[in-house]
Amino acid sequence: TNTISLPQMWTNSINQANKMALLAWAKETGIDLVQINGQRRYGGPPPGWVGDPPPAGTEVFIGKLPQDLYENALIPLFQSVGKLYEFRLMMTFSGLNRGFAYAKYSNRRSAREAIAAFNNFKVREGCTIVVCKSTEKCEISVDGLATFVSQQELEALLRQVTEGVLSVTLYSSPCQERAQLAVLKYSSHQAAAMAKKTLTEGNVRLGGVEMKVGWLSPNLKQKLQSCKEKPSSSQVQGRKCLGVPKQAPLSPVLYNVLDRLNTLCRRRNLGTPLFLTKCVQANPNGWLLFWCRVVIPGCPMPFSGFTWVRQDGPDGSGHEEAKVTVALQVLQILGESL
């Protein structure tokens, strides 16, 4: 039996009549709606679909929706001009919609007919919706990255928290001094939109620096094309990072980094740093990828990030080398140089 998965945060007191009508419609039609990360989706693919997903140019954007309008009214309306491959309604925690949705058709002709039929369509008295071609953006800009953030660290973070990343390119930020800007390309607009939402709303930090996330605008793209990209850019293939991670050999002075950080924290009355390290990946060349967090009681936010180290330390585990590497980065953030 098909079921409808509705968010646990819904409250019965908000828009109860329309919610009950939606439940009844879903039960009667057998349509399966699934909510994931702030959007409720039908299809993608729909029941009985055979073959590849539809090509680009088959999705339309639907805006200015009344927030108490649901799929029981919208799907039959948009299905009336062509077969829907997917319908996505953006949702709030209260169970109201966020005022917009995306309808993806099986072919471009149906998408064009939906725009012709439903742009400026009056869904109820006083409520006219907007329907236009979806831009299907696939590129995101992430500005404000610390200068020590490497290609491998950023790729590792993105693989942990997003899906469908195709490439990552690092530039010197044109907007901020001593910062980097990354351009992230995803496999689809949906993957890019979910990644943007995750990076924007998930309070994701790398190296203790908050990232500024947005769609890559044409103006910024043109400006970046005239800049020289940093040599750390690469393509992401599956879960592998191309190229060999680079890490400077740990000289004897660097082994004193932990003492240096402890001394600095004592001098500034910040308390004793606490290190958390976890190995999340190993490659055949003897490199280990560590997720690290440094909690300093006197700092409002912990310092978090990823780093590669060689598996050739005294105990072979790499944990001490990871602590030294991240401690050096924290010292740089705190303005202390060796």
C-alpha atoms as a PDB file:
ATOM      1  CA  THR A   1       0.000   0.000   0.000  1.00  0.00           C
ATOM      2  CA  ASN A   2       1.353   3.427  -0.921  1.00  0.00           C
ATOM      3  CA  THR A   3       1.681   5.826   1.985  1.00  0.00           C
ATOM      4  CA  ILE A   4       2.360   9.507   2.375  1.00  0.00           C
ATOM      5  CA  SER A   5       5.288  10.487   4.550  1.00  0.00           C
ATOM      6  CA  LEU A   6       4.504  13.819   6.237  1.00  0.00           C
ATOM      7  CA  PRO A   7       6.904  15.805   8.415  1.00  0.00           C
ATOM      8  CA  GLN A   8       6.803  15.177  12.135  1.00  0.00           C
ATOM      9  CA  MET A   9       6.827  18.908  12.846  1.00  0.00           C
ATOM     10  CA  TRP A  10       3.376  19.489  11.391  1.00  0.00           C
ATOM     11  CA  THR A  11       0.868  20.855  13.837  1.00  0.00           C
ATOM     12  CA  ASN A  12      -2.786  20.012  13.395  1.00  0.00           C
ATOM     13  CA  SER A  13      -3.850  23.549  14.215  1.00  0.00           C
ATOM     14  CA  ILE A  14      -2.249  25.019  11.059  1.00  0.00           C
ATOM     15  CA  ASN A  15      -4.248  24.596   7.853  1.00  0.00           C
ATOM     16  CA  GLN A  16      -5.870  21.421   9.172  1.00  0.00           C
ATOM     17  CA  ALA A  17      -8.642  21.167   6.569  1.00  0.00           C
ATOM     18  CA  ASN A  18      -6.273  21.276   3.578  1.00  0.00           C
ATOM     19  CA  LYS A  19      -3.894  18.809   5.201  1.00  0.00           C
ATOM     20  CA  MET A  20      -6.723  16.339   5.748  1.00  0.00           C
ATOM     21  CA  ALA A  21      -7.836  16.819   2.135  1.00  0.00           C
ATOM     22  CA  LEU A  22      -4.281  16.082   0.990  1.00  0.00           C
ATOM     23  CA  LEU A  23      -4.160  12.891   3.053  1.00  0.00           C
ATOM     24  CA  ALA A  24      -7.499  11.744   1.654  1.00  0.00           C
ATOM     25  CA  TRP A  25      -6.398  12.492  -1.915  1.00  0.00           C
ATOM     26  CA  ALA A  26      -3.103  10.629  -1.495  1.00  0.00           C
ATOM     27  CA  LYS A  27      -4.928   7.617  -0.079  1.00  0.00           C
ATOM     28  CA  GLU A  28      -7.535   7.646  -2.837  1.00  0.00           C
ATOM     29  CA  THR A  29      -5.061   8.009  -5.710  1.00  0.00           C
ATOM     30  CA  GLY A  30      -2.283   5.859  -4.228  1.00  0.00           C
ATOM     31  CA  ILE A  31       0.207   8.655  -4.941  1.00  0.00           C
ATOM     32  CA  ASP A  32       3.358   8.455  -2.865  1.00  0.00           C
ATOM     33  CA  LEU A  33       4.778  11.725  -1.533  1.00  0.00           C
ATOM     34  CA  VAL A  34       8.098  11.711   0.315  1.00  0.00           C
ATOM     35  CA  GLN A  35       9.511  14.650   2.263  1.00  0.00           C
ATOM     36  CA  ILE A  36      13.289  15.039   2.460  1.00  0.00           C
ATOM     37  CA  ASN A  37      15.183  18.091   3.710  1.00  0.00           C
ATOM     38  CA  GLY A  38      12.480  20.716   3.303  1.00  0.00           C
ATOM     39  CA  GLN A  39      10.922  19.545   0.048  1.00  0.00           C
ATOM     40  CA  ARG A  40       8.115  17.084  -0.628  1.00  0.00           C
ATOM     41  CA  ARG A  41       8.490  15.083  -3.796  1.00  0.00           C
ATOM     42  CA  TYR A  42       6.335  13.007  -6.104  1.00  0.00           C
ATOM     43  CA  GLY A  43       8.015  10.800  -8.709  1.00  0.00           C
ATOM     44  CA  GLY A  44      11.598  11.200  -9.814  1.00  0.00           C
ATOM     45  CA  PRO A  45      10.858   8.682 -11.366  1.00  0.00           C
ATOM     46  CA  PRO A  46       7.085   8.128 -11.174  1.00  0.00           C
ATOM     47  CA  PRO A  47       5.602   4.608 -11.036  1.00  0.00           C
ATOM     48  CA  GLY A  48       6.025   2.701 -14.303  1.00  0.00           C
ATOM     49  CA  TRP A  49       8.754   4.977 -15.686  1.00  0.00           C
ATOM     50  CA  VAL A  50      11.197   3.181 -18.006  1.00  0.00           C
ATOM     51  CA  GLY A  51      14.446   4.638 -19.303  1.00  0.00           C
ATOM     52  CA  ASP A  52      16.603   7.646 -18.527  1.00  0.00           C
ATOM     53  CA  PRO A  53      15.375  10.802 -16.771  1.00  0.00           C
ATOM     54  CA  PRO A  54      14.081  13.599 -19.056  1.00  0.00           C
ATOM     55  CA  PRO A  55      16.673  15.938 -20.607  1.00  0.00           C
ATOM     56  CA  ALA A  56      17.427  19.509 -19.543  1.00  0.00           C
ATOM     57  CA  GLY A  57      14.717  22.022 -20.393  1.00  0.00           C
ATOM     58  CA  THR A  58      11.835  19.875 -19.149  1.00  0.00           C
ATOM     59  CA  GLU A  59      11.433  21.513 -15.719  1.00  0.00           C
ATOM     60  CA  VAL A  60       9.308  24.566 -14.888  1.00  0.00           C
ATOM     61  CA  PHE A  61       9.420  26.829 -11.847  1.00  0.00           C
ATOM     62  CA  ILE A  62       6.100  27.608 -10.131  1.00  0.00           C
ATOM     63  CA  GLY A  63       6.032  30.720  -7.939  1.00  0.00           C
ATOM     64  CA  LYS A  64       3.638  32.879  -5.893  1.00  0.00           C
ATOM     65  CA  LEU A  65       1.750  29.843  -4.611  1.00  0.00           C
ATOM     66  CA  PRO A  66      -0.679  30.328  -1.713  1.00  0.00           C
ATOM     67  CA  GLN A  67       1.061  28.678   1.235  1.00  0.00           C
ATOM     68  CA  ASP A  68      -1.940  26.515   2.125  1.00  0.00           C
ATOM     69  CA  LEU A  69      -2.148  24.941  -1.340  1.00  0.00           C
ATOM     70  CA  TYR A  70      -0.930  21.348  -1.693  1.00  0.00           C
ATOM     71  CA  GLU A  71      -0.283  18.570  -4.204  1.00  0.00           C
ATOM     72  CA  ASN A  72      -3.911  17.422  -4.273  1.00  0.00           C
ATOM     73  CA  ALA A  73      -4.670  20.647  -6.189  1.00  0.00           C
ATOM     74  CA  LEU A  74      -1.321  21.216  -7.911  1.00  0.00           C
ATOM     75  CA  ILE A  75      -0.411  17.796  -9.345  1.00  0.00           C
ATOM     76  CA  PRO A  76      -3.728  17.247 -11.200  1.00  0.00           C
ATOM     77  CA  LEU A  77      -3.515  20.816 -12.546  1.00  0.00           C
ATOM     78  CA  PHE A  78       0.023  20.475 -13.912  1.00  0.00           C
ATOM     79  CA  GLN A  79      -0.527  16.869 -15.008  1.00  0.00           C
ATOM     80  CA  SER A  80      -3.372  18.086 -17.234  1.00  0.00           C
ATOM     81  CA  VAL A  81      -0.942  19.352 -19.918  1.00  0.00           C
ATOM     82  CA  GLY A  82       1.525  16.450 -19.936  1.00  0.00           C
ATOM     83  CA  LYS A  83       3.036  13.540 -18.053  1.00  0.00           C
ATOM     84  CA  LEU A  84       4.917  14.591 -14.921  1.00  0.00           C
ATOM     85  CA  TYR A  85       8.256  12.933 -14.217  1.00  0.00           C
ATOM     86  CA  GLU A  86       8.618  14.721 -10.874  1.00  0.00           C
ATOM     87  CA  PHE A  87       6.882  17.359  -8.763  1.00  0.00           C
ATOM     88  CA  ARG A  88       8.683  19.054  -5.844  1.00  0.00           C
ATOM     89  CA  LEU A  89       6.909  21.344  -3.371  1.00  0.00           C
ATOM     90  CA  MET A  90       9.126  23.335  -1.003  1.00  0.00           C
ATOM     91  CA  MET A  91       7.892  23.047   2.599  1.00  0.00           C
ATOM     92  CA  THR A  92       8.193  24.810   5.958  1.00  0.00           C
ATOM     93  CA  PHE A  93       8.378  22.986   9.296  1.00  0.00           C
ATOM     94  CA  SER A  94       4.795  24.021  10.085  1.00  0.00           C
ATOM     95  CA  GLY A  95       3.465  22.131   7.080  1.00  0.00           C
ATOM     96  CA  LEU A  96       2.726  25.183   4.922  1.00  0.00           C
ATOM     97  CA  ASN A  97       4.465  25.375   1.563  1.00  0.00           C
ATOM     98  CA  ARG A  98       7.178  27.985   0.984  1.00  0.00           C
ATOM     99  CA  GLY A  99       5.383  29.557  -1.965  1.00  0.00           C
ATOM    100  CA  PHE A 100       7.142  27.762  -4.809  1.00  0.00           C
ATOM    101  CA  ALA A 101       7.525  24.374  -6.492  1.00  0.00           C
ATOM    102  CA  TYR A 102       9.150  22.649  -9.478  1.00  0.00           C
ATOM    103  CA  ALA A 103       7.389  20.440 -12.041  1.00  0.00           C
ATOM    104  CA  LYS A 104       9.537  18.271 -14.326  1.00  0.00           C
ATOM    105  CA  TYR A 105       7.833  16.856 -17.412  1.00  0.00           C
ATOM    106  CA  SER A 106       8.653  13.842 -19.562  1.00  0.00           C
ATOM    107  CA  ASN A 107       9.450  16.090 -22.535  1.00  0.00           C
ATOM    108  CA  ARG A 108      10.184  19.732 -23.401  1.00  0.00           C
ATOM    109  CA  ARG A 109       6.915  20.239 -25.270  1.00  0.00           C
ATOM    110  CA  SER A 110       4.870  19.572 -22.141  1.00  0.00           C
ATOM    111  CA  ALA A 111       7.024  22.030 -20.191  1.00  0.00           C
ATOM    112  CA  ARG A 112       6.376  24.728 -22.808  1.00  0.00           C
ATOM    113  CA  GLU A 113       2.632  23.991 -22.721  1.00  0.00           C
ATOM    114  CA  ALA A 114       2.625  24.265 -18.913  1.00  0.00           C
ATOM    115  CA  ILE A 115       4.208  27.731 -19.139  1.00  0.00           C
ATOM    116  CA  ALA A 116       1.710  28.832 -21.800  1.00  0.00           C
ATOM    117  CA  ALA A 117      -1.277  27.494 -19.872  1.00  0.00           C
ATOM    118  CA  PHE A 118      -0.430  28.355 -16.269  1.00  0.00           C
ATOM    119  CA  ASN A 119       1.746  31.481 -16.184  1.00  0.00           C
ATOM    120  CA  ASN A 120      -0.506  34.172 -14.631  1.00  0.00           C
ATOM    121  CA  PHE A 121      -3.106  31.457 -13.945  1.00  0.00           C
ATOM    122  CA  LYS A 122      -5.575  32.286 -11.175  1.00  0.00           C
ATOM    123  CA  VAL A 123      -5.499  29.304  -8.770  1.00  0.00           C
ATOM    124  CA  ARG A 124      -8.079  30.995  -6.545  1.00  0.00           C
ATOM    125  CA  GLU A 125      -9.653  34.413  -6.211  1.00  0.00           C
ATOM    126  CA  GLY A 126      -6.910  37.015  -5.812  1.00  0.00           C
ATOM    127  CA  CYS A 127      -4.060  34.480  -6.261  1.00  0.00           C
ATOM    128  CA  THR A 128      -2.255  34.422  -9.625  1.00  0.00           C
ATOM    129  CA  ILE A 129       0.742  32.113  -9.944  1.00  0.00           C
ATOM    130  CA  VAL A 130       3.932  32.490 -11.983  1.00  0.00           C
ATOM    131  CA  VAL A 131       5.185  29.622 -14.155  1.00  0.00           C
ATOM    132  CA  CYS A 132       8.413  29.894 -16.145  1.00  0.00           C
ATOM    133  CA  LYS A 133      11.285  27.762 -17.384  1.00  0.00           C
ATOM    134  CA  SER A 134      13.476  26.538 -14.539  1.00  0.00           C
ATOM    135  CA  THR A 135      17.016  27.862 -14.825  1.00  0.00           C
ATOM    136  CA  GLU A 136      18.295  24.490 -13.602  1.00  0.00           C
ATOM    137  CA  LYS A 137      21.423  26.086 -12.144  1.00  0.00           C
ATOM    138  CA  CYS A 138      24.141  23.582 -11.249  1.00  0.00           C
ATOM    139  CA  GLU A 139      26.954  25.825  -9.975  1.00  0.00           C
ATOM    140  CA  ILE A 140      27.387  27.263  -6.470  1.00  0.00           C
ATOM    141  CA  SER A 141      29.886  29.814  -5.209  1.00  0.00           C
ATOM    142  CA  VAL A 142      31.343  29.513  -1.713  1.00  0.00           C
ATOM    143  CA  ASP A 143      33.178  32.641  -0.596  1.00  0.00           C
ATOM    144  CA  GLY A 144      35.155  33.450   2.538  1.00  0.00           C
ATOM    145  CA  LEU A 145      37.166  30.237   2.757  1.00  0.00           C
ATOM    146  CA  ALA A 146      40.365  30.526   4.774  1.00  0.00           C
ATOM    147  CA  THR A 147      43.515  30.634   2.655  1.00  0.00           C
ATOM    148  CA  PHE A 148      44.862  27.390   4.154  1.00  0.00           C
ATOM    149  CA  VAL A 149      41.805  25.358   3.109  1.00  0.00           C
ATOM    150  CA  SER A 150      42.981  22.881   0.483  1.00  0.00           C
ATOM    151  CA  GLN A 151      41.254  21.252  -2.458  1.00  0.00           C
ATOM    152  CA  GLN A 152      41.267  17.871  -0.733  1.00  0.00           C
ATOM    153  CA  GLU A 153      39.796  19.248   2.499  1.00  0.00           C
ATOM    154  CA  LEU A 154      36.942  20.961   0.666  1.00  0.00           C
ATOM    155  CA  GLU A 155      36.189  17.916  -1.487  1.00  0.00           C
ATOM    156  CA  ALA A 156      36.167  15.689   1.597  1.00  0.00           C
ATOM    157  CA  LEU A 157      33.759  18.024   3.390  1.00  0.00           C
ATOM    158  CA  LEU A 158      31.424  18.176   0.388  1.00  0.00           C
ATOM    159  CA  ARG A 159      31.371  14.390   0.036  1.00  0.00           C
ATOM    160  CA  GLN A 160      30.420  14.145   3.700  1.00  0.00           C
ATOM    161  CA  VAL A 161      27.477  16.567   3.560  1.00  0.00           C
ATOM    162  CA  THR A 162      26.282  16.752  -0.080  1.00  0.00           C
ATOM    163  CA  GLU A 163      25.689  14.459  -3.050  1.00  0.00           C
ATOM    164  CA  GLY A 164      26.395  14.795  -6.765  1.00  0.00           C
ATOM    165  CA  VAL A 165      29.418  17.119  -6.752  1.00  0.00           C
ATOM    166  CA  LEU A 166      31.238  16.948 -10.105  1.00  0.00           C
ATOM    167  CA  SER A 167      34.017  19.486  -9.743  1.00  0.00           C
ATOM    168  CA  VAL A 168      35.532  21.951  -7.292  1.00  0.00           C
ATOM    169  CA  THR A 169      37.618  24.941  -8.387  1.00  0.00           C
ATOM    170  CA  LEU A 170      39.407  27.294  -5.979  1.00  0.00           C
ATOM    171  CA  TYR A 171      40.129  30.967  -6.701  1.00  0.00           C
ATOM    172  CA  SER A 172      41.481  33.863  -4.695  1.00  0.00           C
ATOM    173  CA  SER A 173      38.361  35.665  -3.504  1.00  0.00           C
ATOM    174  CA  PRO A 174      37.636  38.785  -5.588  1.00  0.00           C
ATOM    175  CA  CYS A 175      35.506  40.175  -2.742  1.00  0.00           C
ATOM    176  CA  GLN A 176      37.519  39.463   0.414  1.00  0.00           C
ATOM    177  CA  GLU A 177      41.189  39.885   1.210  1.00  0.00           C
ATOM    178  CA  ARG A 178      43.142  36.831   2.399  1.00  0.00           C
ATOM    179  CA  ALA A 179      40.282  34.491   1.497  1.00  0.00           C
ATOM    180  CA  GLN A 180      39.389  31.930  -1.152  1.00  0.00           C
ATOM    181  CA  LEU A 181      36.292  31.426  -3.280  1.00  0.00           C
ATOM    182  CA  ALA A 182      35.240  27.970  -4.485  1.00  0.00           C
ATOM    183  CA  VAL A 183      33.014  27.158  -7.445  1.00  0.00           C
ATOM    184  CA  LEU A 184      31.159  23.875  -6.960  1.00  0.00           C
ATOM    185  CA  LYS A 185      29.539  22.146  -9.931  1.00  0.00           C
ATOM    186  CA  TYR A 186      26.838  19.512  -9.311  1.00  0.00           C
ATOM    187  CA  SER A 187      25.299  16.780 -11.445  1.00  0.00           C
ATOM    188  CA  SER A 188      21.830  18.373 -11.499  1.00  0.00           C
ATOM    189  CA  HIS A 189      19.907  21.435 -10.402  1.00  0.00           C
ATOM    190  CA  GLN A 190      18.228  19.400  -7.675  1.00  0.00           C
ATOM    191  CA  ALA A 191      21.581  18.182  -6.315  1.00  0.00           C
ATOM    192  CA  ALA A 192      22.930  21.741  -6.415  1.00  0.00           C
ATOM    193  CA  ALA A 193      19.825  23.148  -4.706  1.00  0.00           C
ATOM    194  CA  MET A 194      20.032  20.570  -1.924  1.00  0.00           C
ATOM    195  CA  ALA A 195      23.757  21.244  -1.495  1.00  0.00           C
ATOM    196  CA  LYS A 196      23.111  25.005  -1.333  1.00  0.00           C
ATOM    197  CA  LYS A 197      20.416  24.456   1.290  1.00  0.00           C
ATOM    198  CA  THR A 198      22.679  22.152   3.329  1.00  0.00           C
ATOM    199  CA  LEU A 199      25.653  24.500   3.197  1.00  0.00           C
ATOM    200  CA  THR A 200      23.517  27.581   3.918  1.00  0.00           C
ATOM    201  CA  GLU A 201      21.300  26.243   6.680  1.00  0.00           C
ATOM    202  CA  GLY A 202      23.530  23.559   8.169  1.00  0.00           C
ATOM    203  CA  ASN A 203      26.022  25.969   9.760  1.00  0.00           C
ATOM    204  CA  VAL A 204      28.826  24.095   7.991  1.00  0.00           C
ATOM    205  CA  ARG A 205      32.242  25.494   8.832  1.00  0.00           C
ATOM    206  CA  LEU A 206      35.710  24.700   7.602  1.00  0.00           C
ATOM    207  CA  GLY A 207      38.737  25.864   9.531  1.00  0.00           C
ATOM    208  CA  GLY A 208      36.604  27.954  11.869  1.00  0.00           C
ATOM    209  CA  VAL A 209      35.485  30.269   9.046  1.00  0.00           C
ATOM    210  CA  GLU A 210      31.839  30.706   8.091  1.00  0.00           C
ATOM    211  CA  MET A 211      31.220  30.159   4.382  1.00  0.00           C
ATOM    212  CA  LYS A 212      29.043  32.492   2.275  1.00  0.00           C
ATOM    213  CA  VAL A 213      27.065  30.356  -0.149  1.00  0.00           C
ATOM    214  CA  GLY A 214      25.036  31.372  -3.214  1.00  0.00           C
ATOM    215  CA  TRP A 215      24.274  30.556  -6.826  1.00  0.00           C
ATOM    216  CA  LEU A 216      27.154  31.379  -9.167  1.00  0.00           C
ATOM    217  CA  SER A 217      25.985  34.551 -10.927  1.00  0.00           C
ATOM    218  CA  PRO A 218      26.905  35.286 -14.568  1.00  0.00           C
ATOM    219  CA  ASN A 219      28.776  38.433 -13.493  1.00  0.00           C
ATOM    220  CA  LEU A 220      30.862  36.562 -10.937  1.00  0.00           C
ATOM    221  CA  LYS A 221      31.486  33.719 -13.392  1.00  0.00           C
ATOM    222  CA  GLN A 222      32.777  36.200 -15.980  1.00  0.00           C
ATOM    223  CA  LYS A 223      34.976  37.893 -13.382  1.00  0.00           C
ATOM    224  CA  LEU A 224      36.432  34.557 -12.267  1.00  0.00           C
ATOM    225  CA  GLN A 225      37.166  33.507 -15.858  1.00  0.00           C
ATOM    226  CA  SER A 226      39.579  36.420 -16.099  1.00  0.00           C
ATOM    227  CA  CYS A 227      41.297  35.288 -12.888  1.00  0.00           C
ATOM    228  CA  LYS A 228      43.804  32.495 -12.730  1.00  0.00           C
ATOM    229  CA  GLU A 229      42.354  29.527 -10.904  1.00  0.00           C
ATOM    230  CA  LYS A 230      44.423  28.096  -8.114  1.00  0.00           C
ATOM    231  CA  PRO A 231      46.383  24.945  -9.049  1.00  0.00           C
ATOM    232  CA  SER A 232      44.491  22.884  -6.460  1.00  0.00           C
ATOM    233  CA  SER A 233      41.353  22.618  -8.615  1.00  0.00           C
ATOM    234  CA  SER A 234      40.417  19.123  -9.769  1.00  0.00           C
ATOM    235  CA  GLN A 235      37.582  16.911 -10.825  1.00  0.00           C
ATOM    236  CA  VAL A 236      35.806  14.668  -8.374  1.00  0.00           C
ATOM    237  CA  GLN A 237      35.272  11.159  -9.636  1.00  0.00           C
ATOM    238  CA  GLY A 238      32.999   9.092  -7.431  1.00  0.00           C
ATOM    239  CA  ARG A 239      34.533   9.131  -3.991  1.00  0.00           C
ATOM    240  CA  LYS A 240      38.146   9.454  -5.123  1.00  0.00           C
ATOM    241  CA  CYS A 241      40.265  12.596  -5.057  1.00  0.00           C
ATOM    242  CA  LEU A 242      42.547  12.964  -8.042  1.00  0.00           C
ATOM    243  CA  GLY A 243      46.150  13.812  -7.338  1.00  0.00           C
ATOM    244  CA  VAL A 244      48.310  13.030  -4.337  1.00  0.00           C
ATOM    245  CA  PRO A 245      47.521  15.021  -1.188  1.00  0.00           C
ATOM    246  CA  LYS A 246      50.362  17.329  -0.267  1.00  0.00           C
ATOM    247  CA  GLN A 247      51.651  17.978   3.214  1.00  0.00           C
ATOM    248  CA  ALA A 248      54.952  19.558   4.180  1.00  0.00           C
ATOM    249  CA  PRO A 249      57.254  17.232   6.151  1.00  0.00           C
ATOM    250  CA  LEU A 250      56.912  17.801   9.871  1.00  0.00           C
ATOM    251  CA  SER A 251      60.120  19.469  10.951  1.00  0.00           C
ATOM    252  CA  PRO A 252      61.190  19.317  14.621  1.00  0.00           C
ATOM    253  CA  VAL A 253      59.916  22.857  15.205  1.00  0.00           C
ATOM    254  CA  LEU A 254      56.418  21.800  14.162  1.00  0.00           C
ATOM    255  CA  TYR A 255      56.319  19.150  16.853  1.00  0.00           C
ATOM    256  CA  ASN A 256      56.369  22.084  19.279  1.00  0.00           C
ATOM    257  CA  VAL A 257      53.180  23.493  17.737  1.00  0.00           C
ATOM    258  CA  LEU A 258      50.986  21.853  20.372  1.00  0.00           C
ATOM    259  CA  ASP A 259      53.038  23.451  23.150  1.00  0.00           C
ATOM    260  CA  ARG A 260      52.927  26.759  21.303  1.00  0.00           C
ATOM    261  CA  LEU A 261      49.122  26.634  21.058  1.00  0.00           C
ATOM    262  CA  ASN A 262      48.768  25.678  24.728  1.00  0.00           C
ATOM    263  CA  THR A 263      51.046  28.570  25.705  1.00  0.00           C
ATOM    264  CA  LEU A 264      49.108  31.046  23.554  1.00  0.00           C
ATOM    265  CA  CYS A 265      45.778  29.932  25.035  1.00  0.00           C
ATOM    266  CA  ARG A 266      47.130  30.265  28.579  1.00  0.00           C
ATOM    267  CA  ARG A 267      48.522  33.717  27.820  1.00  0.00           C
ATOM    268  CA  ARG A 268      45.146  34.868  26.470  1.00  0.00           C
ATOM    269  CA  ASN A 269      43.200  33.123  29.260  1.00  0.00           C
ATOM    270  CA  LEU A 270      41.327  30.981  26.735  1.00  0.00           C
ATOM    271  CA  GLY A 271      41.689  27.680  28.592  1.00  0.00           C
ATOM    272  CA  THR A 272      43.291  24.421  27.474  1.00  0.00           C
ATOM    273  CA  PRO A 273      42.553  23.290  23.870  1.00  0.00           C
ATOM    274  CA  LEU A 274      40.757  19.939  23.469  1.00  0.00           C
ATOM    275  CA  PHE A 275      41.511  17.960  20.278  1.00  0.00           C
ATOM    276  CA  LEU A 276      39.109  15.535  18.593  1.00  0.00           C
ATOM    277  CA  THR A 277      40.494  13.583  15.619  1.00  0.00           C
ATOM    278  CA  LYS A 278      38.844  10.900  13.492  1.00  0.00           C
ATOM    279  CA  CYS A 279      40.299   9.095  10.476  1.00  0.00           C
ATOM    280  CA  VAL A 280      37.626   9.096   7.750  1.00  0.00           C
ATOM    281  CA  GLN A 281      39.574   7.895   4.704  1.00  0.00           C
ATOM    282  CA  ALA A 282      42.824   6.134   3.761  1.00  0.00           C
ATOM    283  CA  ASN A 283      44.329   5.871   0.298  1.00  0.00           C
ATOM    284  CA  PRO A 284      46.767   3.272  -1.074  1.00  0.00           C
ATOM    285  CA  ASN A 285      49.654   5.776  -1.102  1.00  0.00           C
ATOM    286  CA  GLY A 286      49.817   5.902   2.688  1.00  0.00           C
ATOM    287  CA  TRP A 287      47.825   9.123   3.175  1.00  0.00           C
ATOM    288  CA  LEU A 288      45.111   9.408   5.811  1.00  0.00           C
ATOM    289  CA  LEU A 289      42.273  11.939   5.788  1.00  0.00           C
ATOM    290  CA  PHE A 290      41.311  13.139   9.264  1.00  0.00           C
ATOM    291  CA  TRP A 291      38.345  15.132  10.467  1.00  0.00           C
ATOM    292  CA  CYS A 292      39.583  17.347  13.295  1.00  0.00           C
ATOM    293  CA  ARG A 293      37.953  19.619  15.832  1.00  0.00           C
ATOM    294  CA  VAL A 294      39.701  21.868  18.323  1.00  0.00           C
ATOM    295  CA  VAL A 295      37.565  23.143  21.188  1.00  0.00           C
ATOM    296  CA  ILE A 296      39.035  26.123  23.033  1.00  0.00           C
ATOM    297  CA  PRO A 297      36.884  27.114  26.039  1.00  0.00           C
ATOM    298  CA  GLY A 298      37.436  30.842  25.523  1.00  0.00           C
ATOM    299  CA  CYS A 299      36.488  30.800  21.812  1.00  0.00           C
ATOM    300  CA  PRO A 300      32.780  30.983  20.926  1.00  0.00           C
ATOM    301  CA  MET A 301      32.992  28.390  18.123  1.00  0.00           C
ATOM    302  CA  PRO A 302      35.112  25.246  17.756  1.00  0.00           C
ATOM    303  CA  PHE A 303      37.640  25.034  14.919  1.00  0.00           C
ATOM    304  CA  SER A 304      36.672  22.189  12.560  1.00  0.00           C
ATOM    305  CA  GLY A 305      38.059  20.871   9.300  1.00  0.00           C
ATOM    306  CA  PHE A 306      39.755  18.115   7.338  1.00  0.00           C
ATOM    307  CA  THR A 307      43.453  17.452   6.816  1.00  0.00           C
ATOM    308  CA  TRP A 308      45.621  14.850   5.092  1.00  0.00           C
ATOM    309  CA  VAL A 309      48.604  13.326   6.905  1.00  0.00           C
ATOM    310  CA  ARG A 310      51.135  10.620   6.102  1.00  0.00           C
ATOM    311  CA  GLN A 311      50.821   7.271   7.815  1.00  0.00           C
ATOM    312  CA  ASP A 312      54.424   7.276   8.976  1.00  0.00           C
ATOM    313  CA  GLY A 313      54.327   8.708  12.505  1.00  0.00           C
ATOM    314  CA  PRO A 314      55.680   7.021  15.623  1.00  0.00           C
ATOM    315  CA  ASP A 315      52.529   4.947  16.169  1.00  0.00           C
ATOM    316  CA  GLY A 316      51.411   4.762  12.528  1.00  0.00           C
ATOM    317  CA  SER A 317      47.885   5.943  13.376  1.00  0.00           C
ATOM    318  CA  GLY A 318      48.327   9.519  12.120  1.00  0.00           C
ATOM    319  CA  HIS A 319      46.411  11.057  15.042  1.00  0.00           C
ATOM    320  CA  GLU A 320      49.396  12.973  16.436  1.00  0.00           C
ATOM    321  CA  GLU A 321      50.313  14.330  13.000  1.00  0.00           C
ATOM    322  CA  ALA A 322      46.682  15.409  12.485  1.00  0.00           C
ATOM    323  CA  LYS A 323      46.696  17.227  15.829  1.00  0.00           C
ATOM    324  CA  VAL A 324      49.928  19.017  14.930  1.00  0.00           C
ATOM    325  CA  THR A 325      48.607  20.053  11.502  1.00  0.00           C
ATOM    326  CA  VAL A 326      45.298  21.384  12.809  1.00  0.00           C
ATOM    327  CA  ALA A 327      47.041  23.127  15.726  1.00  0.00           C
ATOM    328  CA  LEU A 328      49.208  24.978  13.203  1.00  0.00           C
ATOM    329  CA  GLN A 329      46.081  26.105  11.356  1.00  0.00           C
ATOM    330  CA  VAL A 330      44.450  27.282  14.606  1.00  0.00           C
ATOM    331  CA  LEU A 331      47.576  29.280  15.422  1.00  0.00           C
ATOM    332  CA  GLN A 332      47.320  30.948  12.019  1.00  0.00           C
ATOM    333  CA  ILE A 333      43.667  31.780  12.629  1.00  0.00           C
ATOM    334  CA  LEU A 334      44.498  33.258  16.024  1.00  0.00           C
ATOM    335  CA  GLY A 335      47.129  35.435  14.405  1.00  0.00           C
ATOM    336  CA  GLU A 336      50.198  33.630  15.801  1.00  0.00           C
ATOM    337  CA  SER A 337      52.987  32.812  13.348  1.00  0.00           C
ATOM    338  CA  LEU A 338      55.910  30.483  13.851  1.00  0.00           C
END
